[in-house]
C-alpha atoms as a PDB file:
ATOM      1  CA  MET A   1      59.096  51.366 -39.453  1.00  0.00           C
ATOM      2  CA  THR A   2      58.158  54.738 -37.979  1.00  0.00           C
ATOM      3  CA  PRO A   3      59.879  56.208 -34.892  1.00  0.00           C
ATOM      4  CA  PHE A   4      56.728  55.480 -32.857  1.00  0.00           C
ATOM      5  CA  TRP A   5      56.866  51.783 -33.670  1.00  0.00           C
ATOM      6  CA  GLY A   6      60.613  51.851 -33.189  1.00  0.00           C
ATOM      7  CA  GLU A   7      60.024  52.895 -29.578  1.00  0.00           C
ATOM      8  CA  VAL A   8      57.279  50.280 -29.171  1.00  0.00           C
ATOM      9  CA  VAL A   9      59.467  47.445 -30.479  1.00  0.00           C
ATOM     10  CA  GLY A  10      62.623  48.663 -28.767  1.00  0.00           C
ATOM     11  CA  THR A  11      60.960  49.005 -25.357  1.00  0.00           C
ATOM     12  CA  MET A  12      59.245  45.651 -25.853  1.00  0.00           C
ATOM     13  CA  LEU A  13      62.656  44.020 -26.409  1.00  0.00           C
ATOM     14  CA  LEU A  14      64.062  45.870 -23.396  1.00  0.00           C
ATOM     15  CA  ILE A  15      61.375  44.412 -21.121  1.00  0.00           C
ATOM     16  CA  ILE A  16      61.496  40.935 -22.668  1.00  0.00           C
ATOM     17  CA  PHE A  17      65.192  40.660 -21.843  1.00  0.00           C
ATOM     18  CA  GLY A  18      65.193  42.772 -18.657  1.00  0.00           C
ATOM     19  CA  GLY A  19      61.979  41.439 -17.167  1.00  0.00           C
ATOM     20  CA  GLY A  20      63.014  38.014 -18.430  1.00  0.00           C
ATOM     21  CA  VAL A  21      66.222  37.982 -16.414  1.00  0.00           C
ATOM     22  CA  CYS A  22      64.271  39.066 -13.313  1.00  0.00           C
ATOM     23  CA  ALA A  23      61.874  36.163 -13.900  1.00  0.00           C
ATOM     24  CA  ALA A  24      64.742  33.742 -14.413  1.00  0.00           C
ATOM     25  CA  VAL A  25      66.322  34.739 -11.094  1.00  0.00           C
ATOM     26  CA  ASN A  26      63.125  35.187  -9.033  1.00  0.00           C
ATOM     27  CA  LEU A  27      60.836  32.358 -10.092  1.00  0.00           C
ATOM     28  CA  LYS A  28      61.168  28.888  -8.614  1.00  0.00           C
ATOM     29  CA  LYS A  29      62.130  25.943 -10.810  1.00  0.00           C
ATOM     30  CA  SER A  30      63.799  28.281 -13.274  1.00  0.00           C
ATOM     31  CA  LEU A  31      67.257  26.933 -14.061  1.00  0.00           C
ATOM     32  CA  ALA A  32      68.625  30.381 -13.193  1.00  0.00           C
ATOM     33  CA  TYR A  33      66.748  30.629  -9.876  1.00  0.00           C
ATOM     34  CA  GLN A  34      68.635  32.649  -7.232  1.00  0.00           C
ATOM     35  CA  SER A  35      71.584  33.258  -9.542  1.00  0.00           C
ATOM     36  CA  GLY A  36      71.968  36.734  -8.088  1.00  0.00           C
ATOM     37  CA  TRP A  37      72.204  40.466  -8.553  1.00  0.00           C
ATOM     38  CA  ILE A  38      75.155  40.383 -10.947  1.00  0.00           C
ATOM     39  CA  VAL A  39      73.125  38.270 -13.366  1.00  0.00           C
ATOM     40  CA  ILE A  40      70.267  40.786 -13.187  1.00  0.00           C
ATOM     41  CA  ALA A  41      72.602  43.758 -13.718  1.00  0.00           C
ATOM     42  CA  PHE A  42      74.228  42.222 -16.790  1.00  0.00           C
ATOM     43  CA  GLY A  43      70.861  41.014 -18.090  1.00  0.00           C
ATOM     44  CA  TRP A  44      69.483  44.559 -18.038  1.00  0.00           C
ATOM     45  CA  GLY A  45      72.662  45.924 -19.593  1.00  0.00           C
ATOM     46  CA  PHE A  46      72.464  43.490 -22.493  1.00  0.00           C
ATOM     47  CA  ALA A  47      68.726  44.202 -22.752  1.00  0.00           C
ATOM     48  CA  VAL A  48      69.405  47.893 -23.359  1.00  0.00           C
ATOM     49  CA  ALA A  49      72.202  47.150 -25.822  1.00  0.00           C
ATOM     50  CA  ILE A  50      70.147  44.705 -27.915  1.00  0.00           C
ATOM     51  CA  ALA A  51      67.112  46.999 -27.959  1.00  0.00           C
ATOM     52  CA  ALA A  52      69.323  49.905 -29.015  1.00  0.00           C
ATOM     53  CA  TYR A  53      70.903  47.846 -31.804  1.00  0.00           C
ATOM     54  CA  ALA A  54      67.442  46.840 -33.006  1.00  0.00           C
ATOM     55  CA  THR A  55      65.804  50.262 -33.188  1.00  0.00           C
ATOM     56  CA  GLY A  56      68.527  52.884 -32.725  1.00  0.00           C
ATOM     57  CA  GLY A  57      68.565  53.652 -36.427  1.00  0.00           C
ATOM     58  CA  ILE A  58      64.777  54.068 -36.472  1.00  0.00           C
ATOM     59  CA  SER A  59      63.885  56.096 -33.401  1.00  0.00           C
ATOM     60  CA  GLY A  60      67.177  56.684 -31.631  1.00  0.00           C
ATOM     61  CA  ALA A  61      66.145  53.978 -29.150  1.00  0.00           C
ATOM     62  CA  HIS A  62      65.241  56.227 -26.245  1.00  0.00           C
ATOM     63  CA  LEU A  63      63.146  53.436 -24.655  1.00  0.00           C
ATOM     64  CA  ASN A  64      62.691  55.658 -21.604  1.00  0.00           C
ATOM     65  CA  PRO A  65      60.465  58.715 -21.000  1.00  0.00           C
ATOM     66  CA  ALA A  66      63.072  60.207 -18.651  1.00  0.00           C
ATOM     67  CA  LEU A  67      65.693  60.054 -21.406  1.00  0.00           C
ATOM     68  CA  THR A  68      63.276  61.498 -23.960  1.00  0.00           C
ATOM     69  CA  ILE A  69      62.488  64.432 -21.660  1.00  0.00           C
ATOM     70  CA  GLY A  70      66.164  64.894 -20.819  1.00  0.00           C
ATOM     71  CA  LEU A  71      67.125  65.018 -24.499  1.00  0.00           C
ATOM     72  CA  ALA A  72      64.321  67.490 -25.206  1.00  0.00           C
ATOM     73  CA  LEU A  73      65.574  69.773 -22.421  1.00  0.00           C
ATOM     74  CA  GLU A  74      69.136  69.369 -23.682  1.00  0.00           C
ATOM     75  CA  GLY A  75      67.918  70.523 -27.093  1.00  0.00           C
ATOM     76  CA  SER A  76      68.715  67.524 -29.282  1.00  0.00           C
ATOM     77  CA  PHE A  77      65.131  66.222 -29.493  1.00  0.00           C
ATOM     78  CA  PRO A  78      61.963  68.097 -30.522  1.00  0.00           C
ATOM     79  CA  TRP A  79      59.343  68.610 -27.810  1.00  0.00           C
ATOM     80  CA  ALA A  80      56.579  67.964 -30.344  1.00  0.00           C
ATOM     81  CA  ASP A  81      57.657  64.297 -30.546  1.00  0.00           C
ATOM     82  CA  VAL A  82      57.890  63.710 -26.785  1.00  0.00           C
ATOM     83  CA  PRO A  83      54.249  62.581 -26.217  1.00  0.00           C
ATOM     84  CA  MET A  84      54.395  60.134 -29.146  1.00  0.00           C
ATOM     85  CA  TYR A  85      57.616  58.603 -27.851  1.00  0.00           C
ATOM     86  CA  ILE A  86      56.295  58.212 -24.314  1.00  0.00           C
ATOM     87  CA  VAL A  87      53.097  56.513 -25.524  1.00  0.00           C
ATOM     88  CA  GLY A  88      55.199  54.144 -27.645  1.00  0.00           C
ATOM     89  CA  GLN A  89      57.470  53.346 -24.710  1.00  0.00           C
ATOM     90  CA  MET A  90      54.552  52.611 -22.399  1.00  0.00           C
ATOM     91  CA  LEU A  91      52.871  50.394 -24.975  1.00  0.00           C
ATOM     92  CA  GLY A  92      56.104  48.508 -25.662  1.00  0.00           C
ATOM     93  CA  ALA A  93      56.717  47.960 -21.942  1.00  0.00           C
ATOM     94  CA  LEU A  94      53.205  46.580 -21.460  1.00  0.00           C
ATOM     95  CA  ILE A  95      53.597  44.193 -24.400  1.00  0.00           C
ATOM     96  CA  GLY A  96      57.056  43.093 -23.269  1.00  0.00           C
ATOM     97  CA  ALA A  97      55.840  42.330 -19.747  1.00  0.00           C
ATOM     98  CA  THR A  98      52.977  40.264 -21.133  1.00  0.00           C
ATOM     99  CA  ILE A  99      55.407  38.228 -23.225  1.00  0.00           C
ATOM    100  CA  VAL A 100      57.556  37.564 -20.133  1.00  0.00           C
ATOM    101  CA  PHE A 101      54.434  36.381 -18.298  1.00  0.00           C
ATOM    102  CA  LEU A 102      53.620  33.968 -21.109  1.00  0.00           C
ATOM    103  CA  HIS A 103      57.194  32.710 -21.431  1.00  0.00           C
ATOM    104  CA  TYR A 104      57.370  31.740 -17.756  1.00  0.00           C
ATOM    105  CA  LEU A 105      53.773  30.531 -17.604  1.00  0.00           C
ATOM    106  CA  PRO A 106      54.231  27.365 -15.451  1.00  0.00           C
ATOM    107  CA  HIS A 107      56.608  29.086 -13.028  1.00  0.00           C
ATOM    108  CA  TRP A 108      54.104  31.501 -11.505  1.00  0.00           C
ATOM    109  CA  LYS A 109      52.174  28.723  -9.799  1.00  0.00           C
ATOM    110  CA  ALA A 110      55.425  27.092  -8.663  1.00  0.00           C
ATOM    111  CA  THR A 111      56.493  30.302  -6.899  1.00  0.00           C
ATOM    112  CA  ASP A 112      54.867  30.961  -3.527  1.00  0.00           C
ATOM    113  CA  ASP A 113      56.203  34.454  -2.819  1.00  0.00           C
ATOM    114  CA  PRO A 114      53.970  37.230  -4.225  1.00  0.00           C
ATOM    115  CA  GLY A 115      56.817  39.711  -3.761  1.00  0.00           C
ATOM    116  CA  ALA A 116      59.073  37.651  -6.022  1.00  0.00           C
ATOM    117  CA  LYS A 117      56.384  37.691  -8.693  1.00  0.00           C
ATOM    118  CA  LEU A 118      55.959  41.448  -8.434  1.00  0.00           C
ATOM    119  CA  GLY A 119      59.760  41.818  -8.645  1.00  0.00           C
ATOM    120  CA  VAL A 120      59.657  40.357 -12.145  1.00  0.00           C
ATOM    121  CA  PHE A 121      57.539  43.289 -13.284  1.00  0.00           C
ATOM    122  CA  SER A 122      58.456  46.307 -11.196  1.00  0.00           C
ATOM    123  CA  THR A 123      60.900  47.697  -8.674  1.00  0.00           C
ATOM    124  CA  GLY A 124      60.679  48.246  -4.938  1.00  0.00           C
ATOM    125  CA  PRO A 125      62.872  49.699  -2.209  1.00  0.00           C
ATOM    126  CA  ALA A 126      65.267  47.668  -0.095  1.00  0.00           C
ATOM    127  CA  ILE A 127      64.427  50.066   2.762  1.00  0.00           C
ATOM    128  CA  PRO A 128      61.141  51.978   2.347  1.00  0.00           C
ATOM    129  CA  HIS A 129      62.045  55.647   2.772  1.00  0.00           C
ATOM    130  CA  THR A 130      60.319  58.055   0.408  1.00  0.00           C
ATOM    131  CA  PHE A 131      62.970  60.784   0.323  1.00  0.00           C
ATOM    132  CA  ALA A 132      65.877  58.347   0.011  1.00  0.00           C
ATOM    133  CA  ASN A 133      64.056  56.223  -2.573  1.00  0.00           C
ATOM    134  CA  VAL A 134      63.224  59.212  -4.779  1.00  0.00           C
ATOM    135  CA  LEU A 135      66.779  60.530  -4.385  1.00  0.00           C
ATOM    136  CA  SER A 136      68.192  57.154  -5.461  1.00  0.00           C
ATOM    137  CA  GLU A 137      66.080  57.195  -8.624  1.00  0.00           C
ATOM    138  CA  VAL A 138      67.047  60.825  -9.289  1.00  0.00           C
ATOM    139  CA  ILE A 139      70.761  60.043  -8.984  1.00  0.00           C
ATOM    140  CA  GLY A 140      70.580  56.856 -11.044  1.00  0.00           C
ATOM    141  CA  THR A 141      68.682  58.513 -13.890  1.00  0.00           C
ATOM    142  CA  PHE A 142      70.859  61.635 -13.767  1.00  0.00           C
ATOM    143  CA  VAL A 143      73.906  59.403 -14.242  1.00  0.00           C
ATOM    144  CA  LEU A 144      72.117  57.525 -17.038  1.00  0.00           C
ATOM    145  CA  VAL A 145      71.216  60.623 -19.077  1.00  0.00           C
ATOM    146  CA  LEU A 146      74.527  62.371 -18.418  1.00  0.00           C
ATOM    147  CA  GLY A 147      76.386  59.185 -19.344  1.00  0.00           C
ATOM    148  CA  ILE A 148      74.443  58.672 -22.578  1.00  0.00           C
ATOM    149  CA  LEU A 149      75.033  62.270 -23.653  1.00  0.00           C
ATOM    150  CA  ALA A 150      78.730  62.001 -22.801  1.00  0.00           C
ATOM    151  CA  ILE A 151      79.053  58.707 -24.666  1.00  0.00           C
ATOM    152  CA  GLY A 152      77.342  60.267 -27.689  1.00  0.00           C
ATOM    153  CA  ALA A 153      79.910  63.077 -27.715  1.00  0.00           C
ATOM    154  CA  ASN A 154      82.739  60.567 -28.214  1.00  0.00           C
ATOM    155  CA  LYS A 155      83.705  58.833 -31.443  1.00  0.00           C
ATOM    156  CA  PHE A 156      83.762  55.064 -31.373  1.00  0.00           C
ATOM    157  CA  ALA A 157      83.969  52.452 -34.103  1.00  0.00           C
ATOM    158  CA  ASP A 158      80.673  52.098 -35.942  1.00  0.00           C
ATOM    159  CA  GLY A 159      78.130  50.106 -33.974  1.00  0.00           C
ATOM    160  CA  VAL A 160      79.918  50.239 -30.616  1.00  0.00           C
ATOM    161  CA  ASN A 161      77.808  52.958 -28.941  1.00  0.00           C
ATOM    162  CA  PRO A 162      74.865  50.703 -27.940  1.00  0.00           C
ATOM    163  CA  LEU A 163      77.266  48.256 -26.312  1.00  0.00           C
ATOM    164  CA  ILE A 164      78.910  51.061 -24.310  1.00  0.00           C
ATOM    165  CA  VAL A 165      75.474  52.252 -23.174  1.00  0.00           C
ATOM    166  CA  GLY A 166      74.698  48.677 -22.135  1.00  0.00           C
ATOM    167  CA  PHE A 167      77.766  48.669 -19.906  1.00  0.00           C
ATOM    168  CA  LEU A 168      76.642  52.009 -18.468  1.00  0.00           C
ATOM    169  CA  ILE A 169      73.418  50.262 -17.397  1.00  0.00           C
ATOM    170  CA  VAL A 170      75.448  47.440 -15.841  1.00  0.00           C
ATOM    171  CA  ALA A 171      77.548  49.981 -13.930  1.00  0.00           C
ATOM    172  CA  ILE A 172      74.442  51.758 -12.626  1.00  0.00           C
ATOM    173  CA  GLY A 173      72.903  48.460 -11.572  1.00  0.00           C
ATOM    174  CA  LEU A 174      76.000  47.242  -9.751  1.00  0.00           C
ATOM    175  CA  SER A 175      76.842  50.549  -8.088  1.00  0.00           C
ATOM    176  CA  LEU A 176      73.509  52.281  -7.524  1.00  0.00           C
ATOM    177  CA  GLY A 177      70.805  49.661  -8.001  1.00  0.00           C
ATOM    178  CA  GLY A 178      70.815  48.036  -4.584  1.00  0.00           C
ATOM    179  CA  THR A 179      68.599  50.692  -2.980  1.00  0.00           C
ATOM    180  CA  THR A 180      65.489  50.719  -5.176  1.00  0.00           C
ATOM    181  CA  GLY A 181      66.170  48.217  -7.941  1.00  0.00           C
ATOM    182  CA  TYR A 182      67.157  51.093 -10.276  1.00  0.00           C
ATOM    183  CA  ALA A 183      64.037  51.599 -12.347  1.00  0.00           C
ATOM    184  CA  ILE A 184      65.654  54.741 -13.893  1.00  0.00           C
ATOM    185  CA  ASN A 185      62.846  54.554 -16.447  1.00  0.00           C
ATOM    186  CA  PRO A 186      59.147  55.345 -15.811  1.00  0.00           C
ATOM    187  CA  ALA A 187      57.952  53.104 -18.660  1.00  0.00           C
ATOM    188  CA  ARG A 188      60.111  50.183 -17.518  1.00  0.00           C
ATOM    189  CA  ASP A 189      58.390  50.241 -14.112  1.00  0.00           C
ATOM    190  CA  LEU A 190      54.868  51.536 -14.749  1.00  0.00           C
ATOM    191  CA  GLY A 191      54.093  49.510 -17.897  1.00  0.00           C
ATOM    192  CA  PRO A 192      54.988  46.131 -16.341  1.00  0.00           C
ATOM    193  CA  ARG A 193      53.313  47.142 -13.059  1.00  0.00           C
ATOM    194  CA  ILE A 194      50.077  47.663 -14.991  1.00  0.00           C
ATOM    195  CA  ALA A 195      50.620  44.268 -16.621  1.00  0.00           C
ATOM    196  CA  HIS A 196      51.067  42.698 -13.176  1.00  0.00           C
ATOM    197  CA  ALA A 197      47.791  44.251 -12.054  1.00  0.00           C
ATOM    198  CA  ILE A 198      45.730  42.982 -14.989  1.00  0.00           C
ATOM    199  CA  LEU A 199      47.324  39.641 -15.917  1.00  0.00           C
ATOM    200  CA  PRO A 200      45.914  36.415 -14.399  1.00  0.00           C
ATOM    201  CA  ILE A 201      49.074  35.588 -12.427  1.00  0.00           C
ATOM    202  CA  PRO A 202      48.418  32.718  -9.969  1.00  0.00           C
ATOM    203  CA  GLY A 203      48.941  33.736  -6.351  1.00  0.00           C
ATOM    204  CA  LYS A 204      49.974  37.303  -7.088  1.00  0.00           C
ATOM    205  CA  GLY A 205      49.689  39.929  -4.409  1.00  0.00           C
ATOM    206  CA  PRO A 206      49.023  43.670  -4.716  1.00  0.00           C
ATOM    207  CA  SER A 207      50.933  45.727  -7.262  1.00  0.00           C
ATOM    208  CA  ASN A 208      52.238  48.167  -4.610  1.00  0.00           C
ATOM    209  CA  TRP A 209      50.620  51.235  -6.161  1.00  0.00           C
ATOM    210  CA  LYS A 210      51.499  53.396  -3.161  1.00  0.00           C
ATOM    211  CA  TYR A 211      55.144  53.160  -4.270  1.00  0.00           C
ATOM    212  CA  ALA A 212      54.474  53.318  -8.022  1.00  0.00           C
ATOM    213  CA  TRP A 213      54.908  57.098  -8.267  1.00  0.00           C
ATOM    214  CA  VAL A 214      58.517  56.953  -6.995  1.00  0.00           C
ATOM    215  CA  PRO A 215      60.014  55.206 -10.077  1.00  0.00           C
ATOM    216  CA  VAL A 216      58.072  57.648 -12.257  1.00  0.00           C
ATOM    217  CA  VAL A 217      58.756  60.989 -10.561  1.00  0.00           C
ATOM    218  CA  GLY A 218      62.351  60.220  -9.517  1.00  0.00           C
ATOM    219  CA  PRO A 219      63.577  59.255 -13.002  1.00  0.00           C
ATOM    220  CA  ILE A 220      61.791  62.176 -14.682  1.00  0.00           C
ATOM    221  CA  LEU A 221      63.447  64.634 -12.282  1.00  0.00           C
ATOM    222  CA  GLY A 222      66.837  62.950 -12.662  1.00  0.00           C
ATOM    223  CA  GLY A 223      66.601  62.719 -16.434  1.00  0.00           C
ATOM    224  CA  ALA A 224      65.507  66.337 -16.755  1.00  0.00           C
ATOM    225  CA  PHE A 225      68.382  67.527 -14.580  1.00  0.00           C
ATOM    226  CA  GLY A 226      70.819  65.334 -16.515  1.00  0.00           C
ATOM    227  CA  GLY A 227      69.838  67.049 -19.758  1.00  0.00           C
ATOM    228  CA  VAL A 228      70.132  70.630 -18.495  1.00  0.00           C
ATOM    229  CA  PHE A 229      73.280  69.863 -16.467  1.00  0.00           C
ATOM    230  CA  TYR A 230      75.007  68.483 -19.560  1.00  0.00           C
ATOM    231  CA  ASN A 231      74.244  71.710 -21.398  1.00  0.00           C
ATOM    232  CA  ALA A 232      75.526  73.833 -18.532  1.00  0.00           C
ATOM    233  CA  ALA A 233      78.632  71.842 -17.587  1.00  0.00           C
ATOM    234  CA  PHE A 234      79.781  70.380 -20.893  1.00  0.00           C
ATOM    235  CA  LYS A 235      78.608  73.048 -23.342  1.00  0.00           C
ATOM    236  CA  ALA A 236      78.765  76.130 -21.098  1.00  0.00           C
ATOM    237  CA  ASN A 237      75.158  76.774 -22.100  1.00  0.00           C
ATOM    238  CA  VAL A 238      73.224  77.732 -18.968  1.00  0.00           C
ATOM    239  CA  THR A 239      69.647  78.062 -20.198  1.00  0.00           C
ATOM    240  CA  PRO A 240      66.559  79.205 -18.249  1.00  0.00           C
ATOM    241  CA  ALA A 241      65.525  75.532 -18.254  1.00  0.00           C
ATOM    242  CA  PHE A 242      68.576  74.761 -16.101  1.00  0.00           C
ATOM    243  CA  TRP A 243      67.396  77.090 -13.356  1.00  0.00           C
ATOM    244  CA  ILE A 244      63.754  76.006 -13.620  1.00  0.00           C
ATOM    245  CA  VAL A 245      64.597  72.295 -13.424  1.00  0.00           C
ATOM    246  CA  SER A 246      67.116  72.888 -10.626  1.00  0.00           C
ATOM    247  CA  VAL A 247      64.580  74.794  -8.533  1.00  0.00           C
ATOM    248  CA  ILE A 248      61.883  72.162  -9.086  1.00  0.00           C
ATOM    249  CA  LEU A 249      64.314  69.395  -8.131  1.00  0.00           C
ATOM    250  CA  VAL A 250      65.443  71.153  -4.946  1.00  0.00           C
ATOM    251  CA  VAL A 251      61.882  72.034  -3.914  1.00  0.00           C
ATOM    252  CA  VAL A 252      60.611  68.476  -4.470  1.00  0.00           C
ATOM    253  CA  LEU A 253      63.524  66.857  -2.629  1.00  0.00           C
ATOM    254  CA  LEU A 254      63.365  69.362   0.229  1.00  0.00           C
ATOM    255  CA  GLY A 255      59.616  68.839   0.550  1.00  0.00           C
ATOM    256  CA  LEU A 256      60.049  65.073   0.634  1.00  0.00           C
ATOM    257  CA  TYR A 257      62.849  65.331   3.178  1.00  0.00           C
ATOM    258  CA  ILE A 258      60.715  67.431   5.502  1.00  0.00           C
ATOM    259  CA  THR A 259      57.626  65.244   5.147  1.00  0.00           C
ATOM    260  CA  THR A 260      59.483  61.944   5.633  1.00  0.00           C
ATOM    261  CA  LYS A 261      61.401  62.759   8.821  1.00  0.00           C
ATOM    262  CA  ASN A 262      59.214  60.263  10.643  1.00  0.00           C
ATOM    263  CA  GLN A 263      60.338  57.567   8.218  1.00  0.00           C
ATOM    264  CA  THR A 264      63.960  58.425   8.977  1.00  0.00           C
ATOM    265  CA  ASN A 265      63.327  58.081  12.704  1.00  0.00           C
ATOM    266  CA  ALA A 266      61.559  54.752  12.177  1.00  0.00           C
ATOM    267  CA  VAL A 267      64.449  53.414  10.085  1.00  0.00           C
ATOM    268  CA  ASN A 268      66.991  54.523  12.697  1.00  0.00           C
ATOM    269  CA  GLU A 269      65.030  52.899  15.508  1.00  0.00           C
ATOM    270  CA  SER A 270      64.816  49.596  13.629  1.00  0.00           C
ATOM    271  CA  MET A 271      68.573  49.376  13.140  1.00  0.00           C
END
């Protein structure tokens, strides 16, 4: 298997297990219906671990464009391979989401809530607030990339690393996921969102495309900063990329903060 197909298969497995646990919790007449956030957090953690065990030796099991970009900026992954990896991740996510749709085929009609159906495929904010939502995705993905790089710098018994990364995902979900559903992965959100838009799901609503850019831009910014920050803080290697990424991150967040002041006022008035 080539690294490209490693990313396709690995990301497919990630979405089968991750999207699958969302379907199990969200869709009516599932035996796991309404079993809660902790189930979802552990489901996604195990999803990452299993996918990493399956394809880590083939492609490194990035499974996430934000991680791929972060590793390229950190210097441990060649930029020439970044486009191939991202295409593989997107394709795998689309296939995985389709498999989840087929697995839960009778449950879509049994579920009345279009939002619950969309929640199987993609994330959404608990409180719509563009600046805060992007910031949440930036922080979550920054922690993800920084954590993965830090874990990789430690020596564990053979085969333990993917399990530790899985628990990192659980920790992010439990601690940081309650704001936006912690996409922390552009492919994980965008690929299944496309699947939601094109699949014949009974009673589905819109795919919320006006929000779709947040779980793409936020994770890319957070992953990029995680890679350059690790170099600067852990390796004392402050590269020009560190300053470029830092400036871009500050400018984007400042711009969003300024342009979403009205949202802040609306949120405050509703409380």
